[in-house]
Amino acid sequence: MRQTFEGMPWWVKWVAIPLLVLFVFGGVITSILGALISFVFKLLLFVALVGGLIFIVKKFTGGGTKSSSRDW
């Protein structure tokens, strides 16, 4: 594989080939990145909602008193 690119100019290796990769696989790359970002956002939203729910339940049920520190 290395012998294939040895006689090529630098701009073929570092400009033309990456542009071809982005052109051919750009849709796949963006869909994978979009799915990953969506998953991370949903995970963070889930964690925030669960944390908020726990906070609200402890606040209204009196679980936030100092006597609950012995539960640890």
Protein backbone atom coordinates (compact mmCIF):
# COMPACT_ATOMS: atom_id res chain seq x y z
CA MET A 1 0.00 0.00 0.00
CA ARG A 2 2.84 2.34 0.82
CA GLN A 3 4.45 1.81 -2.58
CA THR A 4 1.28 2.98 -4.28
CA PHE A 5 1.50 6.47 -2.77
CA GLU A 6 5.28 6.90 -2.88
CA GLY A 7 5.44 8.54 -6.30
CA MET A 8 2.43 10.80 -5.71
CA PRO A 9 2.70 14.52 -4.91
CA TRP A 10 1.90 15.62 -1.37
CA TRP A 11 -1.38 17.27 -2.32
CA VAL A 12 -2.74 13.97 -3.66
CA LYS A 13 -2.08 12.24 -0.34
CA TRP A 14 -3.17 15.05 1.94
CA VAL A 15 -5.86 16.91 -0.04
CA ALA A 16 -7.34 14.92 -2.92
CA ILE A 17 -7.75 11.54 -1.20
CA PRO A 18 -9.36 12.94 1.99
CA LEU A 19 -11.74 14.98 -0.17
CA LEU A 20 -12.69 11.85 -2.09
CA VAL A 21 -13.29 10.00 1.15
CA LEU A 22 -15.54 12.79 2.40
CA PHE A 23 -17.38 12.88 -0.92
CA VAL A 24 -17.98 9.12 -1.03
CA PHE A 25 -18.54 8.42 2.67
CA GLY A 26 -19.76 11.84 3.81
CA GLY A 27 -23.35 10.73 4.24
CA VAL A 28 -22.34 7.74 6.33
CA ILE A 29 -20.01 9.82 8.48
CA THR A 30 -22.63 12.51 9.13
CA SER A 31 -25.34 9.98 9.93
CA ILE A 32 -23.08 8.17 12.41
CA LEU A 33 -22.06 11.46 14.05
CA GLY A 34 -25.68 12.61 14.14
CA ALA A 35 -26.80 9.37 15.78
CA LEU A 36 -23.97 9.58 18.32
CA ILE A 37 -24.73 13.20 19.21
CA SER A 38 -28.44 12.39 19.47
CA PHE A 39 -27.71 9.46 21.78
CA VAL A 40 -25.47 11.54 24.06
CA PHE A 41 -28.07 14.33 24.20
CA LYS A 42 -30.84 11.87 25.11
CA LEU A 43 -28.63 10.24 27.72
CA LEU A 44 -27.86 13.60 29.35
CA LEU A 45 -31.53 14.58 29.22
CA PHE A 46 -32.48 11.28 30.88
CA VAL A 47 -29.90 11.78 33.64
CA ALA A 48 -31.12 15.35 34.26
CA LEU A 49 -34.77 14.25 34.39
CA VAL A 50 -34.03 11.40 36.80
CA GLY A 51 -31.99 13.73 38.99
CA GLY A 52 -34.79 16.31 38.97
CA LEU A 53 -37.36 13.65 39.81
CA ILE A 54 -35.28 12.39 42.73
CA PHE A 55 -34.82 15.97 43.97
CA ILE A 56 -38.55 16.72 43.78
CA VAL A 57 -39.56 13.46 45.47
CA LYS A 58 -37.09 14.00 48.31
CA LYS A 59 -38.21 17.60 48.73
CA PHE A 60 -41.92 16.81 48.98
CA THR A 61 -41.65 13.60 50.98
CA GLY A 62 -39.32 15.06 53.59
CA GLY A 63 -36.48 12.76 52.60
CA GLY A 64 -34.07 15.68 52.55
CA THR A 65 -33.91 16.04 56.34
CA LYS A 66 -30.71 15.64 58.29
CA SER A 67 -31.87 12.37 59.83
CA SER A 68 -31.63 10.68 56.45
CA SER A 69 -27.82 10.94 56.52
CA ARG A 70 -27.69 7.74 58.59
CA ASP A 71 -29.03 5.82 55.56
CA TRP A 72 -25.57 5.93 54.05
